[in-house]
Amino acid sequence: MLTVQYRSVGETDLYFLQGSFNAVEAAKFREDVVKRMEQGRIDLILNLGGVDFIDSAGLGFLVSILKTTVKMGGQLRLSHLTPIIQEIFRMTKLDRVFTVDDTDELSVRSI
């Protein structure tokens, strides 16, 4: 199960994710994110510090949201990747695609 909480920091939405990021959970989360993006909330930070598992659907969701934010003129940054998630990103070469920050504060300042 994936638990998602978010807060707005100025024009940026900061999402805190915790749990398993799989196909079912990615689909639910996508609905919420797309709805907010349609309302003009196109600068996103995803704090993945609480994510203990991510499958190919979760990774696909992240790529899809990145493409959508760029297309809409926004930004997507990731923060607080755990060592296992960092390794998955390195193995899939997604560490070259996403901007990853150590802290939420750095992400917010960089948008």
N, C-alpha and C. Protein backbone atom coordinates (compact mmCIF):
# COMPACT_ATOMS: atom_id res chain seq x y z
N MET A 1 0.84 -1.18 0.00
CA MET A 1 0.00 0.00 0.00
C MET A 1 0.88 1.24 0.00
N LEU A 2 0.47 2.24 -0.75
CA LEU A 2 1.19 3.50 -0.83
C LEU A 2 0.38 4.58 -0.13
N THR A 3 1.00 5.23 0.81
CA THR A 3 0.38 6.36 1.50
C THR A 3 0.97 7.63 0.91
N VAL A 4 0.09 8.57 0.56
CA VAL A 4 0.53 9.83 -0.04
C VAL A 4 -0.04 10.99 0.76
N GLN A 5 0.84 11.89 1.14
CA GLN A 5 0.43 13.14 1.75
C GLN A 5 1.09 14.25 0.93
N TYR A 6 0.46 15.39 0.89
CA TYR A 6 1.09 16.49 0.18
C TYR A 6 0.81 17.80 0.88
N ARG A 7 1.67 18.74 0.56
CA ARG A 7 1.46 20.11 1.02
C ARG A 7 1.95 21.03 -0.07
N SER A 8 1.39 22.20 -0.10
CA SER A 8 1.81 23.20 -1.08
C SER A 8 2.85 24.10 -0.45
N VAL A 9 3.89 24.37 -1.21
CA VAL A 9 4.93 25.30 -0.81
C VAL A 9 5.00 26.34 -1.92
N GLY A 10 4.28 27.43 -1.72
CA GLY A 10 4.17 28.43 -2.79
C GLY A 10 3.44 27.82 -3.97
N GLU A 11 4.07 27.86 -5.13
CA GLU A 11 3.49 27.32 -6.35
C GLU A 11 3.83 25.85 -6.57
N THR A 12 4.51 25.24 -5.62
CA THR A 12 5.00 23.87 -5.77
C THR A 12 4.23 22.92 -4.88
N ASP A 13 3.89 21.74 -5.41
CA ASP A 13 3.27 20.68 -4.61
C ASP A 13 4.35 19.69 -4.20
N LEU A 14 4.43 19.44 -2.91
CA LEU A 14 5.40 18.52 -2.34
C LEU A 14 4.65 17.30 -1.84
N TYR A 15 4.94 16.14 -2.45
CA TYR A 15 4.28 14.88 -2.11
C TYR A 15 5.22 14.02 -1.29
N PHE A 16 4.70 13.45 -0.22
CA PHE A 16 5.44 12.53 0.63
C PHE A 16 4.87 11.13 0.41
N LEU A 17 5.67 10.24 -0.12
CA LEU A 17 5.21 8.88 -0.44
C LEU A 17 5.81 7.89 0.54
N GLN A 18 4.98 6.95 0.96
CA GLN A 18 5.45 5.93 1.89
C GLN A 18 4.80 4.59 1.56
N GLY A 19 5.62 3.54 1.45
CA GLY A 19 5.11 2.20 1.20
C GLY A 19 5.56 1.67 -0.14
N SER A 20 4.76 0.79 -0.71
CA SER A 20 5.07 0.13 -1.98
C SER A 20 4.45 0.88 -3.15
N PHE A 21 5.27 1.19 -4.13
CA PHE A 21 4.84 1.94 -5.30
C PHE A 21 4.72 0.95 -6.46
N ASN A 22 3.54 0.30 -6.55
CA ASN A 22 3.33 -0.73 -7.57
C ASN A 22 2.26 -0.26 -8.56
N ALA A 23 1.85 -1.15 -9.44
CA ALA A 23 0.91 -0.79 -10.51
C ALA A 23 -0.40 -0.23 -9.99
N VAL A 24 -0.98 -0.90 -9.01
CA VAL A 24 -2.28 -0.46 -8.47
C VAL A 24 -2.15 0.90 -7.80
N GLU A 25 -1.12 1.05 -6.98
CA GLU A 25 -0.93 2.30 -6.25
C GLU A 25 -0.55 3.44 -7.20
N ALA A 26 0.23 3.15 -8.22
CA ALA A 26 0.62 4.17 -9.20
C ALA A 26 -0.62 4.71 -9.92
N ALA A 27 -1.55 3.84 -10.25
CA ALA A 27 -2.77 4.27 -10.94
C ALA A 27 -3.59 5.21 -10.07
N LYS A 28 -3.72 4.88 -8.79
CA LYS A 28 -4.47 5.75 -7.87
C LYS A 28 -3.79 7.10 -7.72
N PHE A 29 -2.48 7.07 -7.53
CA PHE A 29 -1.72 8.30 -7.34
C PHE A 29 -1.76 9.16 -8.59
N ARG A 30 -1.72 8.54 -9.74
CA ARG A 30 -1.74 9.27 -11.00
C ARG A 30 -3.01 10.12 -11.11
N GLU A 31 -4.14 9.57 -10.73
CA GLU A 31 -5.41 10.32 -10.79
C GLU A 31 -5.31 11.61 -9.99
N ASP A 32 -4.77 11.52 -8.78
CA ASP A 32 -4.65 12.70 -7.92
C ASP A 32 -3.69 13.73 -8.51
N VAL A 33 -2.55 13.26 -8.98
CA VAL A 33 -1.54 14.18 -9.51
C VAL A 33 -2.05 14.87 -10.78
N VAL A 34 -2.65 14.11 -11.68
CA VAL A 34 -3.15 14.70 -12.92
C VAL A 34 -4.24 15.73 -12.63
N LYS A 35 -5.10 15.44 -11.70
CA LYS A 35 -6.17 16.38 -11.33
C LYS A 35 -5.57 17.71 -10.87
N ARG A 36 -4.56 17.65 -10.02
CA ARG A 36 -3.92 18.87 -9.53
C ARG A 36 -3.16 19.59 -10.66
N MET A 37 -2.56 18.82 -11.55
CA MET A 37 -1.84 19.43 -12.67
C MET A 37 -2.81 20.16 -13.59
N GLU A 38 -3.99 19.59 -13.79
CA GLU A 38 -5.00 20.25 -14.62
C GLU A 38 -5.47 21.55 -13.99
N GLN A 39 -5.27 21.69 -12.68
CA GLN A 39 -5.62 22.93 -11.98
C GLN A 39 -4.45 23.91 -11.97
N GLY A 40 -3.37 23.58 -12.70
CA GLY A 40 -2.23 24.49 -12.82
C GLY A 40 -1.08 24.21 -11.87
N ARG A 41 -1.18 23.15 -11.08
CA ARG A 41 -0.10 22.80 -10.14
C ARG A 41 0.91 21.91 -10.86
N ILE A 42 1.84 22.55 -11.61
CA ILE A 42 2.71 21.79 -12.51
C ILE A 42 4.15 21.67 -12.00
N ASP A 43 4.47 22.27 -10.88
CA ASP A 43 5.79 22.10 -10.27
C ASP A 43 5.65 21.12 -9.12
N LEU A 44 6.31 19.97 -9.25
CA LEU A 44 6.13 18.87 -8.30
C LEU A 44 7.45 18.41 -7.70
N ILE A 45 7.38 18.05 -6.44
CA ILE A 45 8.49 17.38 -5.78
C ILE A 45 7.92 16.11 -5.17
N LEU A 46 8.54 14.99 -5.47
CA LEU A 46 8.13 13.72 -4.88
C LEU A 46 9.21 13.27 -3.90
N ASN A 47 8.86 13.27 -2.62
CA ASN A 47 9.76 12.78 -1.58
C ASN A 47 9.56 11.28 -1.49
N LEU A 48 10.57 10.52 -1.93
CA LEU A 48 10.47 9.06 -1.97
C LEU A 48 11.15 8.40 -0.77
N GLY A 49 11.42 9.16 0.27
CA GLY A 49 12.13 8.65 1.43
C GLY A 49 11.44 7.50 2.13
N GLY A 50 10.13 7.40 2.00
CA GLY A 50 9.39 6.33 2.65
C GLY A 50 9.03 5.17 1.73
N VAL A 51 9.49 5.23 0.48
CA VAL A 51 9.17 4.17 -0.49
C VAL A 51 10.16 3.02 -0.30
N ASP A 52 9.62 1.85 0.00
CA ASP A 52 10.48 0.69 0.23
C ASP A 52 10.47 -0.29 -0.95
N PHE A 53 9.61 -0.03 -1.94
CA PHE A 53 9.51 -0.90 -3.12
C PHE A 53 8.93 -0.10 -4.26
N ILE A 54 9.51 -0.27 -5.45
CA ILE A 54 8.94 0.34 -6.65
C ILE A 54 9.09 -0.66 -7.79
N ASP A 55 7.99 -0.90 -8.52
CA ASP A 55 8.06 -1.83 -9.65
C ASP A 55 8.09 -1.04 -10.96
N SER A 56 8.05 -1.75 -12.06
CA SER A 56 8.15 -1.10 -13.37
C SER A 56 6.98 -0.14 -13.62
N ALA A 57 5.81 -0.45 -13.09
CA ALA A 57 4.67 0.46 -13.24
C ALA A 57 4.91 1.76 -12.48
N GLY A 58 5.49 1.66 -11.30
CA GLY A 58 5.82 2.86 -10.54
C GLY A 58 6.85 3.71 -11.27
N LEU A 59 7.86 3.06 -11.82
CA LEU A 59 8.87 3.78 -12.60
C LEU A 59 8.25 4.40 -13.84
N GLY A 60 7.37 3.64 -14.49
CA GLY A 60 6.69 4.17 -15.67
C GLY A 60 5.83 5.38 -15.34
N PHE A 61 5.18 5.35 -14.19
CA PHE A 61 4.40 6.50 -13.74
C PHE A 61 5.29 7.72 -13.60
N LEU A 62 6.45 7.55 -12.97
CA LEU A 62 7.36 8.67 -12.77
C LEU A 62 7.80 9.27 -14.10
N VAL A 63 8.12 8.42 -15.07
CA VAL A 63 8.53 8.91 -16.39
C VAL A 63 7.37 9.64 -17.05
N SER A 64 6.17 9.08 -16.94
CA SER A 64 4.99 9.70 -17.54
C SER A 64 4.72 11.09 -16.94
N ILE A 65 4.79 11.18 -15.62
CA ILE A 65 4.54 12.47 -14.96
C ILE A 65 5.65 13.47 -15.32
N LEU A 66 6.88 13.00 -15.43
CA LEU A 66 7.97 13.89 -15.84
C LEU A 66 7.68 14.47 -17.23
N LYS A 67 7.30 13.61 -18.17
CA LYS A 67 7.00 14.07 -19.52
C LYS A 67 5.85 15.08 -19.51
N THR A 68 4.83 14.80 -18.71
CA THR A 68 3.67 15.70 -18.64
C THR A 68 4.06 17.05 -18.05
N THR A 69 4.83 17.05 -16.98
CA THR A 69 5.22 18.33 -16.36
C THR A 69 6.06 19.17 -17.32
N VAL A 70 6.99 18.53 -18.01
CA VAL A 70 7.82 19.27 -18.97
C VAL A 70 6.96 19.83 -20.10
N LYS A 71 6.05 19.01 -20.61
CA LYS A 71 5.16 19.46 -21.69
C LYS A 71 4.31 20.66 -21.25
N MET A 72 3.92 20.68 -19.97
CA MET A 72 3.09 21.77 -19.46
C MET A 72 3.91 22.96 -18.98
N GLY A 73 5.24 22.87 -19.07
CA GLY A 73 6.09 23.97 -18.66
C GLY A 73 6.48 23.93 -17.19
N GLY A 74 6.26 22.81 -16.53
CA GLY A 74 6.59 22.68 -15.12
C GLY A 74 7.86 21.88 -14.90
N GLN A 75 8.08 21.53 -13.64
CA GLN A 75 9.25 20.76 -13.27
C GLN A 75 8.85 19.64 -12.32
N LEU A 76 9.59 18.55 -12.38
CA LEU A 76 9.45 17.45 -11.42
C LEU A 76 10.82 17.16 -10.85
N ARG A 77 10.91 17.17 -9.53
CA ARG A 77 12.15 16.82 -8.85
C ARG A 77 11.83 15.73 -7.85
N LEU A 78 12.80 14.88 -7.59
CA LEU A 78 12.66 13.82 -6.61
C LEU A 78 13.59 14.12 -5.44
N SER A 79 13.19 13.68 -4.25
CA SER A 79 14.06 13.90 -3.09
C SER A 79 14.04 12.68 -2.19
N HIS A 80 15.06 12.60 -1.37
CA HIS A 80 15.17 11.59 -0.31
C HIS A 80 15.08 10.15 -0.81
N LEU A 81 15.75 9.84 -1.90
CA LEU A 81 15.74 8.45 -2.37
C LEU A 81 16.50 7.57 -1.38
N THR A 82 15.89 6.45 -1.02
CA THR A 82 16.55 5.50 -0.13
C THR A 82 17.64 4.78 -0.92
N PRO A 83 18.58 4.15 -0.25
CA PRO A 83 19.65 3.45 -0.99
C PRO A 83 19.13 2.42 -1.98
N ILE A 84 18.10 1.68 -1.63
CA ILE A 84 17.59 0.66 -2.56
C ILE A 84 16.92 1.31 -3.78
N ILE A 85 16.21 2.41 -3.57
CA ILE A 85 15.58 3.12 -4.69
C ILE A 85 16.65 3.79 -5.55
N GLN A 86 17.69 4.33 -4.91
CA GLN A 86 18.82 4.90 -5.66
C GLN A 86 19.44 3.84 -6.56
N GLU A 87 19.61 2.64 -6.04
CA GLU A 87 20.21 1.56 -6.82
C GLU A 87 19.32 1.19 -8.01
N ILE A 88 18.02 1.14 -7.81
CA ILE A 88 17.09 0.86 -8.91
C ILE A 88 17.20 1.94 -9.99
N PHE A 89 17.26 3.19 -9.56
CA PHE A 89 17.40 4.30 -10.52
C PHE A 89 18.73 4.19 -11.26
N ARG A 90 19.79 3.82 -10.57
CA ARG A 90 21.10 3.68 -11.21
C ARG A 90 21.08 2.54 -12.23
N MET A 91 20.51 1.40 -11.84
CA MET A 91 20.48 0.23 -12.72
C MET A 91 19.63 0.48 -13.97
N THR A 92 18.56 1.24 -13.82
CA THR A 92 17.68 1.53 -14.95
C THR A 92 18.09 2.80 -15.70
N LYS A 93 19.14 3.43 -15.23
CA LYS A 93 19.67 4.67 -15.80
C LYS A 93 18.70 5.85 -15.65
N LEU A 94 17.70 5.71 -14.80
CA LEU A 94 16.78 6.82 -14.56
C LEU A 94 17.43 7.92 -13.72
N ASP A 95 18.56 7.62 -13.10
CA ASP A 95 19.29 8.65 -12.37
C ASP A 95 19.83 9.72 -13.33
N ARG A 96 19.86 9.40 -14.62
CA ARG A 96 20.30 10.36 -15.64
C ARG A 96 19.12 11.16 -16.20
N VAL A 97 17.91 10.71 -15.91
CA VAL A 97 16.71 11.33 -16.44
C VAL A 97 16.10 12.31 -15.45
N PHE A 98 16.09 11.93 -14.18
CA PHE A 98 15.45 12.73 -13.13
C PHE A 98 16.46 13.58 -12.38
N THR A 99 15.98 14.72 -11.91
CA THR A 99 16.77 15.53 -11.00
C THR A 99 16.43 15.07 -9.59
N VAL A 100 17.45 14.63 -8.87
CA VAL A 100 17.26 14.09 -7.53
C VAL A 100 18.02 14.97 -6.54
N ASP A 101 17.33 15.40 -5.51
CA ASP A 101 17.94 16.23 -4.46
C ASP A 101 17.97 15.46 -3.15
N ASP A 102 18.92 15.80 -2.31
CA ASP A 102 19.01 15.16 -1.00
C ASP A 102 17.91 15.61 -0.06
N THR A 103 17.46 16.86 -0.21
CA THR A 103 16.45 17.40 0.72
C THR A 103 15.31 18.05 -0.04
N ASP A 104 14.16 18.14 0.61
CA ASP A 104 13.02 18.84 0.04
C ASP A 104 13.32 20.34 -0.13
N GLU A 105 14.03 20.87 0.85
CA GLU A 105 14.36 22.30 0.82
C GLU A 105 15.18 22.65 -0.43
N LEU A 106 16.14 21.81 -0.76
CA LEU A 106 16.94 22.04 -1.96
C LEU A 106 16.06 21.96 -3.20
N SER A 107 15.15 21.00 -3.24
CA SER A 107 14.24 20.88 -4.37
C SER A 107 13.38 22.13 -4.53
N VAL A 108 12.82 22.60 -3.41
CA VAL A 108 11.95 23.78 -3.45
C VAL A 108 12.73 24.99 -3.94
N ARG A 109 13.94 25.18 -3.43
CA ARG A 109 14.77 26.33 -3.85
C ARG A 109 15.16 26.25 -5.31
N SER A 110 15.24 25.04 -5.85
CA SER A 110 15.72 24.85 -7.23
C SER A 110 14.62 24.98 -8.28
N ILE A 111 13.38 24.97 -7.86
CA ILE A 111 12.27 25.10 -8.82
C ILE A 111 12.00 26.55 -9.11
